[in-house]
Amino acid sequence: MKLLIDKTEIPALPGDTIMDAARRAGIFIPGLCWNEASEKSHCCRLCMVEVMDRGKEKLVAACAFKVKDLMEVTTDSPRIARIRKTMLRLLYTQAPDNPAIVELMDRYGIAAEPALPVRDNTQCILCRLCVSNCGALGASAISAVDRGITKRIDTPYGAPSPDCIGCGACADICPTNCIEVEDTPEYRKIWNQEFAWARCSCCGAIITTEAHYQASNPPGAPVLCPTCKKKAMGDVFAESLGERV
């Protein structure tokens, strides 16, 4: 399957969205709510493109629209630029001075106007990638709460969640780096909760949080870092070879 993006022919796989095929081919289409490793939320709308489909031109979200063979896609036009500028101005009110937003504003020639109403200073753009990541891990400790201008991502009632394992997967995938994670030698603090570290029983290196390690390993599994685990497996293999000889 092939498609034309800005008159450049690129390959695509069945089930690909325009964004999937474009990113794989190294073609830039902005999108803060898109991540290849997570369920797509299709909410930021920065990835709007024009496609020629069945002889008709229409605007679609590249992260949601499935490719068709020989489809023609335009990723940058005066119409698309106007839409992206509008969306970026709205995102700026949610994440003022955030590097990811500012970089895109510079790319499209938008001045950071102090007069723009700023909703808050959390830097969150409500893309929900963190919620998807948390759910994929089976924790589902965070979600969108409240409505309108007070809508935010949080644990239930803002209290420490018994489902959170402190893995930090939510912070790792956040496109605006707005989830606060405090790592100290003794613990990790995230979502108003402190998590003790799981340390390697051989070398003492920090592996992850105890809650995360227990959730992702069988009960009673030895607490070993990747290096020590590899060494232990090598010792067992060497011992078994010695017994055979």
C-alpha atoms as a PDB file:
ATOM      1  CA  MET A   1       0.000   0.000   0.000  1.00  0.00           C
ATOM      2  CA  LYS A   2       1.271   3.470  -0.897  1.00  0.00           C
ATOM      3  CA  LEU A   3       0.134   7.036  -0.416  1.00  0.00           C
ATOM      4  CA  LEU A   4       1.290  10.487  -1.472  1.00  0.00           C
ATOM      5  CA  ILE A   5       2.173  12.937   1.291  1.00  0.00           C
ATOM      6  CA  ASP A   6       3.052  16.376  -0.039  1.00  0.00           C
ATOM      7  CA  LYS A   7       3.643  14.717  -3.446  1.00  0.00           C
ATOM      8  CA  THR A   8       6.142  12.267  -1.942  1.00  0.00           C
ATOM      9  CA  GLU A   9       5.248   8.592  -2.289  1.00  0.00           C
ATOM     10  CA  ILE A  10       5.685   6.601   0.913  1.00  0.00           C
ATOM     11  CA  PRO A  11       4.747   3.030   1.908  1.00  0.00           C
ATOM     12  CA  ALA A  12       1.998   2.251   4.385  1.00  0.00           C
ATOM     13  CA  LEU A  13       0.771  -0.841   6.183  1.00  0.00           C
ATOM     14  CA  PRO A  14      -2.837  -2.048   6.392  1.00  0.00           C
ATOM     15  CA  GLY A  15      -4.506  -0.400   9.360  1.00  0.00           C
ATOM     16  CA  ASP A  16      -2.062   2.539   9.419  1.00  0.00           C
ATOM     17  CA  THR A  17      -3.309   6.024  10.106  1.00  0.00           C
ATOM     18  CA  ILE A  18      -1.802   8.886   8.121  1.00  0.00           C
ATOM     19  CA  MET A  19       0.246   9.807  11.193  1.00  0.00           C
ATOM     20  CA  ASP A  20       1.600   6.259  11.570  1.00  0.00           C
ATOM     21  CA  ALA A  21       2.823   6.159   7.974  1.00  0.00           C
ATOM     22  CA  ALA A  22       4.164   9.721   8.023  1.00  0.00           C
ATOM     23  CA  ARG A  23       6.157   9.338  11.252  1.00  0.00           C
ATOM     24  CA  ARG A  24       7.609   6.038  10.037  1.00  0.00           C
ATOM     25  CA  ALA A  25       8.753   7.780   6.842  1.00  0.00           C
ATOM     26  CA  GLY A  26      10.233  10.728   8.741  1.00  0.00           C
ATOM     27  CA  ILE A  27       7.610  13.230   7.593  1.00  0.00           C
ATOM     28  CA  PHE A  28       6.714  15.764  10.278  1.00  0.00           C
ATOM     29  CA  ILE A  29       3.083  16.221  11.258  1.00  0.00           C
ATOM     30  CA  PRO A  30       2.617  17.893  14.663  1.00  0.00           C
ATOM     31  CA  GLY A  31       0.695  15.977  17.286  1.00  0.00           C
ATOM     32  CA  LEU A  32       1.042  16.180  21.062  1.00  0.00           C
ATOM     33  CA  CYS A  33      -1.578  13.541  21.836  1.00  0.00           C
ATOM     34  CA  TRP A  34       0.004  10.914  19.532  1.00  0.00           C
ATOM     35  CA  ASN A  35       2.439   8.289  20.737  1.00  0.00           C
ATOM     36  CA  GLU A  36       3.171   5.072  18.888  1.00  0.00           C
ATOM     37  CA  ALA A  37       3.325   3.120  22.162  1.00  0.00           C
ATOM     38  CA  SER A  38      -0.037   4.227  23.536  1.00  0.00           C
ATOM     39  CA  GLU A  39      -3.710   4.236  22.686  1.00  0.00           C
ATOM     40  CA  LYS A  40      -4.526   7.358  20.700  1.00  0.00           C
ATOM     41  CA  SER A  41      -6.787  10.019  22.181  1.00  0.00           C
ATOM     42  CA  HIS A  42      -7.229  12.199  19.031  1.00  0.00           C
ATOM     43  CA  CYS A  43      -7.762  15.335  21.083  1.00  0.00           C
ATOM     44  CA  CYS A  44      -5.134  18.011  20.333  1.00  0.00           C
ATOM     45  CA  ARG A  45      -6.107  18.360  16.642  1.00  0.00           C
ATOM     46  CA  LEU A  46      -2.708  19.777  15.706  1.00  0.00           C
ATOM     47  CA  CYS A  47      -2.364  16.986  13.153  1.00  0.00           C
ATOM     48  CA  MET A  48      -5.158  18.193  10.859  1.00  0.00           C
ATOM     49  CA  VAL A  49      -4.298  17.564   7.192  1.00  0.00           C
ATOM     50  CA  GLU A  50      -6.076  17.765   3.846  1.00  0.00           C
ATOM     51  CA  VAL A  51      -6.789  14.556   1.934  1.00  0.00           C
ATOM     52  CA  MET A  52      -8.199  13.862  -1.502  1.00  0.00           C
ATOM     53  CA  ASP A  53     -10.636  11.021  -0.889  1.00  0.00           C
ATOM     54  CA  ARG A  54     -12.928   9.746  -3.665  1.00  0.00           C
ATOM     55  CA  GLY A  55     -12.384  12.929  -5.632  1.00  0.00           C
ATOM     56  CA  LYS A  56     -13.296  15.172  -2.709  1.00  0.00           C
ATOM     57  CA  GLU A  57     -10.951  17.240  -0.589  1.00  0.00           C
ATOM     58  CA  LYS A  58     -11.557  17.214   3.155  1.00  0.00           C
ATOM     59  CA  LEU A  59      -9.910  17.977   6.467  1.00  0.00           C
ATOM     60  CA  VAL A  60      -9.107  15.017   8.710  1.00  0.00           C
ATOM     61  CA  ALA A  61      -7.074  14.287  11.827  1.00  0.00           C
ATOM     62  CA  ALA A  62      -3.954  12.433  10.686  1.00  0.00           C
ATOM     63  CA  CYS A  63      -3.796  10.449  13.934  1.00  0.00           C
ATOM     64  CA  ALA A  64      -7.288   9.018  13.380  1.00  0.00           C
ATOM     65  CA  PHE A  65      -7.796   8.739   9.598  1.00  0.00           C
ATOM     66  CA  LYS A  66      -6.886   5.360   8.093  1.00  0.00           C
ATOM     67  CA  VAL A  67      -4.817   5.367   4.930  1.00  0.00           C
ATOM     68  CA  LYS A  68      -6.118   4.185   1.584  1.00  0.00           C
ATOM     69  CA  ASP A  69      -4.038   3.112  -1.372  1.00  0.00           C
ATOM     70  CA  LEU A  70      -2.766   6.041  -3.459  1.00  0.00           C
ATOM     71  CA  MET A  71      -4.430   8.578  -1.155  1.00  0.00           C
ATOM     72  CA  GLU A  72      -3.125  12.141  -1.595  1.00  0.00           C
ATOM     73  CA  VAL A  73      -2.319  14.037   1.591  1.00  0.00           C
ATOM     74  CA  THR A  74      -1.302  17.674   2.107  1.00  0.00           C
ATOM     75  CA  THR A  75       0.269  18.408   5.478  1.00  0.00           C
ATOM     76  CA  ASP A  76       0.875  22.141   5.103  1.00  0.00           C
ATOM     77  CA  SER A  77      -1.323  24.727   3.406  1.00  0.00           C
ATOM     78  CA  PRO A  78      -2.672  28.178   4.347  1.00  0.00           C
ATOM     79  CA  ARG A  79      -5.896  26.538   5.551  1.00  0.00           C
ATOM     80  CA  ILE A  80      -4.069  23.992   7.729  1.00  0.00           C
ATOM     81  CA  ALA A  81      -1.696  26.661   9.063  1.00  0.00           C
ATOM     82  CA  ARG A  82      -4.668  28.767  10.241  1.00  0.00           C
ATOM     83  CA  ILE A  83      -6.144  25.783  12.070  1.00  0.00           C
ATOM     84  CA  ARG A  84      -2.855  24.885  13.742  1.00  0.00           C
ATOM     85  CA  LYS A  85      -2.273  28.466  14.843  1.00  0.00           C
ATOM     86  CA  THR A  86      -5.726  28.574  16.427  1.00  0.00           C
ATOM     87  CA  MET A  87      -5.181  25.252  18.218  1.00  0.00           C
ATOM     88  CA  LEU A  88      -1.735  26.307  19.436  1.00  0.00           C
ATOM     89  CA  ARG A  89      -3.138  29.531  20.877  1.00  0.00           C
ATOM     90  CA  LEU A  90      -5.713  27.478  22.782  1.00  0.00           C
ATOM     91  CA  LEU A  91      -3.051  25.046  23.993  1.00  0.00           C
ATOM     92  CA  TYR A  92      -0.945  27.988  25.123  1.00  0.00           C
ATOM     93  CA  THR A  93      -3.711  29.001  27.517  1.00  0.00           C
ATOM     94  CA  GLN A  94      -3.410  25.545  29.093  1.00  0.00           C
ATOM     95  CA  ALA A  95       0.374  25.196  29.019  1.00  0.00           C
ATOM     96  CA  PRO A  96       1.969  28.669  28.957  1.00  0.00           C
ATOM     97  CA  ASP A  97       5.721  28.742  28.386  1.00  0.00           C
ATOM     98  CA  ASN A  98       5.909  24.966  28.058  1.00  0.00           C
ATOM     99  CA  PRO A  99       8.881  24.085  25.806  1.00  0.00           C
ATOM    100  CA  ALA A 100       6.870  21.693  23.622  1.00  0.00           C
ATOM    101  CA  ILE A 101       4.174  24.303  22.986  1.00  0.00           C
ATOM    102  CA  VAL A 102       6.619  27.186  22.548  1.00  0.00           C
ATOM    103  CA  GLU A 103       8.659  25.192  20.013  1.00  0.00           C
ATOM    104  CA  LEU A 104       5.575  24.610  17.874  1.00  0.00           C
ATOM    105  CA  MET A 105       4.484  28.245  18.244  1.00  0.00           C
ATOM    106  CA  ASP A 106       7.896  29.363  16.998  1.00  0.00           C
ATOM    107  CA  ARG A 107       7.630  26.941  14.080  1.00  0.00           C
ATOM    108  CA  TYR A 108       4.336  28.490  12.987  1.00  0.00           C
ATOM    109  CA  GLY A 109       5.315  32.084  13.766  1.00  0.00           C
ATOM    110  CA  ILE A 110       3.005  32.653  16.727  1.00  0.00           C
ATOM    111  CA  ALA A 111       4.069  35.158  19.365  1.00  0.00           C
ATOM    112  CA  ALA A 112       3.561  34.199  23.006  1.00  0.00           C
ATOM    113  CA  GLU A 113       1.138  36.989  23.859  1.00  0.00           C
ATOM    114  CA  PRO A 114       0.910  37.784  27.584  1.00  0.00           C
ATOM    115  CA  ALA A 115      -2.611  39.094  26.948  1.00  0.00           C
ATOM    116  CA  LEU A 116      -3.879  35.602  26.161  1.00  0.00           C
ATOM    117  CA  PRO A 117      -6.004  34.288  29.057  1.00  0.00           C
ATOM    118  CA  VAL A 118      -4.099  31.567  30.881  1.00  0.00           C
ATOM    119  CA  ARG A 119      -6.313  28.848  32.354  1.00  0.00           C
ATOM    120  CA  ASP A 120      -3.833  27.696  35.000  1.00  0.00           C
ATOM    121  CA  ASN A 121      -0.172  26.872  35.322  1.00  0.00           C
ATOM    122  CA  THR A 122      -0.277  23.077  35.384  1.00  0.00           C
ATOM    123  CA  GLN A 123       1.078  22.758  31.805  1.00  0.00           C
ATOM    124  CA  CYS A 124      -1.402  19.892  31.219  1.00  0.00           C
ATOM    125  CA  ILE A 125      -3.113  19.872  27.821  1.00  0.00           C
ATOM    126  CA  LEU A 126      -5.506  17.019  28.724  1.00  0.00           C
ATOM    127  CA  CYS A 127      -4.164  14.704  26.027  1.00  0.00           C
ATOM    128  CA  ARG A 128      -4.894  11.666  28.281  1.00  0.00           C
ATOM    129  CA  LEU A 129      -1.808   9.770  27.180  1.00  0.00           C
ATOM    130  CA  CYS A 130      -0.959   9.309  30.847  1.00  0.00           C
ATOM    131  CA  VAL A 131      -4.426   7.879  31.517  1.00  0.00           C
ATOM    132  CA  SER A 132      -4.074   5.450  28.598  1.00  0.00           C
ATOM    133  CA  ASN A 133      -0.633   4.338  29.733  1.00  0.00           C
ATOM    134  CA  CYS A 134      -1.790   3.791  33.299  1.00  0.00           C
ATOM    135  CA  GLY A 135      -4.790   1.789  32.090  1.00  0.00           C
ATOM    136  CA  ALA A 136      -2.641  -0.333  29.760  1.00  0.00           C
ATOM    137  CA  LEU A 137      -0.525  -1.332  32.742  1.00  0.00           C
ATOM    138  CA  GLY A 138      -3.659  -2.456  34.572  1.00  0.00           C
ATOM    139  CA  ALA A 139      -3.495   0.181  37.292  1.00  0.00           C
ATOM    140  CA  SER A 140      -6.018   2.812  36.106  1.00  0.00           C
ATOM    141  CA  ALA A 141      -5.053   4.971  39.070  1.00  0.00           C
ATOM    142  CA  ILE A 142      -5.652   8.313  37.324  1.00  0.00           C
ATOM    143  CA  SER A 143      -8.403   9.757  35.170  1.00  0.00           C
ATOM    144  CA  ALA A 144      -9.960  13.018  34.025  1.00  0.00           C
ATOM    145  CA  VAL A 145     -11.935  14.700  36.798  1.00  0.00           C
ATOM    146  CA  ASP A 146     -14.262  17.719  36.878  1.00  0.00           C
ATOM    147  CA  ARG A 147     -15.546  19.528  33.788  1.00  0.00           C
ATOM    148  CA  GLY A 148     -14.973  22.660  31.769  1.00  0.00           C
ATOM    149  CA  ILE A 149     -12.109  24.940  32.771  1.00  0.00           C
ATOM    150  CA  THR A 150     -11.536  22.977  36.015  1.00  0.00           C
ATOM    151  CA  LYS A 151     -11.080  19.666  34.202  1.00  0.00           C
ATOM    152  CA  ARG A 152      -7.781  17.992  35.076  1.00  0.00           C
ATOM    153  CA  ILE A 153      -6.019  14.641  35.362  1.00  0.00           C
ATOM    154  CA  ASP A 154      -5.843  13.373  38.922  1.00  0.00           C
ATOM    155  CA  THR A 155      -6.349  10.461  41.271  1.00  0.00           C
ATOM    156  CA  PRO A 156      -9.872  10.024  42.732  1.00  0.00           C
ATOM    157  CA  TYR A 157     -10.585  13.037  44.963  1.00  0.00           C
ATOM    158  CA  GLY A 158      -6.906  14.013  44.697  1.00  0.00           C
ATOM    159  CA  ALA A 159      -6.064  11.465  47.374  1.00  0.00           C
ATOM    160  CA  PRO A 160      -3.315   8.796  47.271  1.00  0.00           C
ATOM    161  CA  SER A 161      -4.647   5.973  45.100  1.00  0.00           C
ATOM    162  CA  PRO A 162      -4.334   2.359  46.290  1.00  0.00           C
ATOM    163  CA  ASP A 163      -4.064   1.360  42.618  1.00  0.00           C
ATOM    164  CA  CYS A 164      -1.001   3.515  41.871  1.00  0.00           C
ATOM    165  CA  ILE A 165       2.280   1.574  41.841  1.00  0.00           C
ATOM    166  CA  GLY A 166       4.554   4.577  41.348  1.00  0.00           C
ATOM    167  CA  CYS A 167       6.003   3.253  38.089  1.00  0.00           C
ATOM    168  CA  GLY A 168       6.168   6.709  36.494  1.00  0.00           C
ATOM    169  CA  ALA A 169       4.845   5.502  33.124  1.00  0.00           C
ATOM    170  CA  CYS A 170       2.410   8.417  33.135  1.00  0.00           C
ATOM    171  CA  ALA A 171       5.220  10.954  33.497  1.00  0.00           C
ATOM    172  CA  ASP A 172       7.384   9.214  30.880  1.00  0.00           C
ATOM    173  CA  ILE A 173       4.758   9.595  28.159  1.00  0.00           C
ATOM    174  CA  CYS A 174       3.560  13.112  29.042  1.00  0.00           C
ATOM    175  CA  PRO A 175       4.328  15.375  26.026  1.00  0.00           C
ATOM    176  CA  THR A 176       4.528  18.529  28.167  1.00  0.00           C
ATOM    177  CA  ASN A 177       6.399  17.002  31.135  1.00  0.00           C
ATOM    178  CA  CYS A 178       3.807  18.315  33.563  1.00  0.00           C
ATOM    179  CA  ILE A 179       3.490  15.317  35.908  1.00  0.00           C
ATOM    180  CA  GLU A 180       5.606  15.960  38.972  1.00  0.00           C
ATOM    181  CA  VAL A 181       7.899  13.130  40.031  1.00  0.00           C
ATOM    182  CA  GLU A 182      10.303  13.537  42.937  1.00  0.00           C
ATOM    183  CA  ASP A 183      12.998  10.870  43.229  1.00  0.00           C
ATOM    184  CA  THR A 184      15.125  10.785  46.370  1.00  0.00           C
ATOM    185  CA  PRO A 185      17.564   8.117  47.621  1.00  0.00           C
ATOM    186  CA  GLU A 186      14.793   6.766  49.871  1.00  0.00           C
ATOM    187  CA  TYR A 187      11.587   7.042  47.831  1.00  0.00           C
ATOM    188  CA  ARG A 188       9.734   8.290  44.770  1.00  0.00           C
ATOM    189  CA  LYS A 189       6.905  10.776  45.270  1.00  0.00           C
ATOM    190  CA  ILE A 190       4.189  10.964  42.628  1.00  0.00           C
ATOM    191  CA  TRP A 191       0.463  11.747  42.763  1.00  0.00           C
ATOM    192  CA  ASN A 192       0.716  12.827  46.421  1.00  0.00           C
ATOM    193  CA  GLN A 193       2.120   9.462  47.456  1.00  0.00           C
ATOM    194  CA  GLU A 194       5.546   8.165  48.473  1.00  0.00           C
ATOM    195  CA  PHE A 195       6.821   4.799  47.188  1.00  0.00           C
ATOM    196  CA  ALA A 196       9.799   2.965  48.660  1.00  0.00           C
ATOM    197  CA  TRP A 197      12.434   1.716  46.225  1.00  0.00           C
ATOM    198  CA  ALA A 198      12.956  -1.932  45.348  1.00  0.00           C
ATOM    199  CA  ARG A 199      16.715  -2.461  45.539  1.00  0.00           C
ATOM    200  CA  CYS A 200      18.742  -5.299  44.060  1.00  0.00           C
ATOM    201  CA  SER A 201      19.509  -7.872  46.755  1.00  0.00           C
ATOM    202  CA  CYS A 202      23.004  -8.352  45.273  1.00  0.00           C
ATOM    203  CA  CYS A 203      24.363  -4.917  44.395  1.00  0.00           C
ATOM    204  CA  GLY A 204      21.834  -2.613  46.076  1.00  0.00           C
ATOM    205  CA  ALA A 205      20.991  -0.724  42.886  1.00  0.00           C
ATOM    206  CA  ILE A 206      17.554   0.871  42.613  1.00  0.00           C
ATOM    207  CA  ILE A 207      15.355  -1.108  40.225  1.00  0.00           C
ATOM    208  CA  THR A 208      11.921   0.488  40.510  1.00  0.00           C
ATOM    209  CA  THR A 209       9.394   1.045  43.268  1.00  0.00           C
ATOM    210  CA  GLU A 210       8.514  -1.895  45.520  1.00  0.00           C
ATOM    211  CA  ALA A 211       4.876  -1.664  44.471  1.00  0.00           C
ATOM    212  CA  HIS A 212       5.819  -1.773  40.782  1.00  0.00           C
ATOM    213  CA  TYR A 213       8.228  -4.683  41.246  1.00  0.00           C
ATOM    214  CA  GLN A 214       5.660  -6.726  43.164  1.00  0.00           C
ATOM    215  CA  ALA A 215       2.991  -6.022  40.560  1.00  0.00           C
ATOM    216  CA  SER A 216       5.182  -7.106  37.639  1.00  0.00           C
ATOM    217  CA  ASN A 217       6.918 -10.162  39.137  1.00  0.00           C
ATOM    218  CA  PRO A 218       5.715 -13.488  40.570  1.00  0.00           C
ATOM    219  CA  PRO A 219       5.350 -13.664  44.374  1.00  0.00           C
ATOM    220  CA  GLY A 220       8.653 -14.506  46.023  1.00  0.00           C
ATOM    221  CA  ALA A 221      10.728 -13.625  42.947  1.00  0.00           C
ATOM    222  CA  PRO A 222      14.270 -12.533  43.864  1.00  0.00           C
ATOM    223  CA  VAL A 223      14.829  -8.798  43.717  1.00  0.00           C
ATOM    224  CA  LEU A 224      17.602  -8.510  41.128  1.00  0.00           C
ATOM    225  CA  CYS A 225      18.624  -5.719  38.780  1.00  0.00           C
ATOM    226  CA  PRO A 226      19.045  -6.638  35.072  1.00  0.00           C
ATOM    227  CA  THR A 227      22.837  -6.939  35.439  1.00  0.00           C
ATOM    228  CA  CYS A 228      22.724  -9.212  38.467  1.00  0.00           C
ATOM    229  CA  LYS A 229      19.854 -11.217  36.994  1.00  0.00           C
ATOM    230  CA  LYS A 230      21.907 -11.823  33.843  1.00  0.00           C
ATOM    231  CA  LYS A 231      24.896 -12.870  35.976  1.00  0.00           C
ATOM    232  CA  ALA A 232      22.748 -15.224  38.059  1.00  0.00           C
ATOM    233  CA  MET A 233      21.336 -16.837  34.912  1.00  0.00           C
ATOM    234  CA  GLY A 234      24.868 -17.240  33.560  1.00  0.00           C
ATOM    235  CA  ASP A 235      25.976 -18.916  36.790  1.00  0.00           C
ATOM    236  CA  VAL A 236      23.058 -21.361  36.631  1.00  0.00           C
ATOM    237  CA  PHE A 237      23.822 -22.114  32.979  1.00  0.00           C
ATOM    238  CA  ALA A 238      27.514 -22.647  33.732  1.00  0.00           C
ATOM    239  CA  GLU A 239      26.656 -24.907  36.659  1.00  0.00           C
ATOM    240  CA  SER A 240      24.308 -27.028  34.547  1.00  0.00           C
ATOM    241  CA  LEU A 241      26.998 -27.393  31.863  1.00  0.00           C
ATOM    242  CA  GLY A 242      29.510 -28.434  34.511  1.00  0.00           C
ATOM    243  CA  GLU A 243      27.166 -31.129  35.793  1.00  0.00           C
ATOM    244  CA  ARG A 244      26.768 -32.539  32.283  1.00  0.00           C
ATOM    245  CA  VAL A 245      30.531 -32.667  31.761  1.00  0.00           C
END
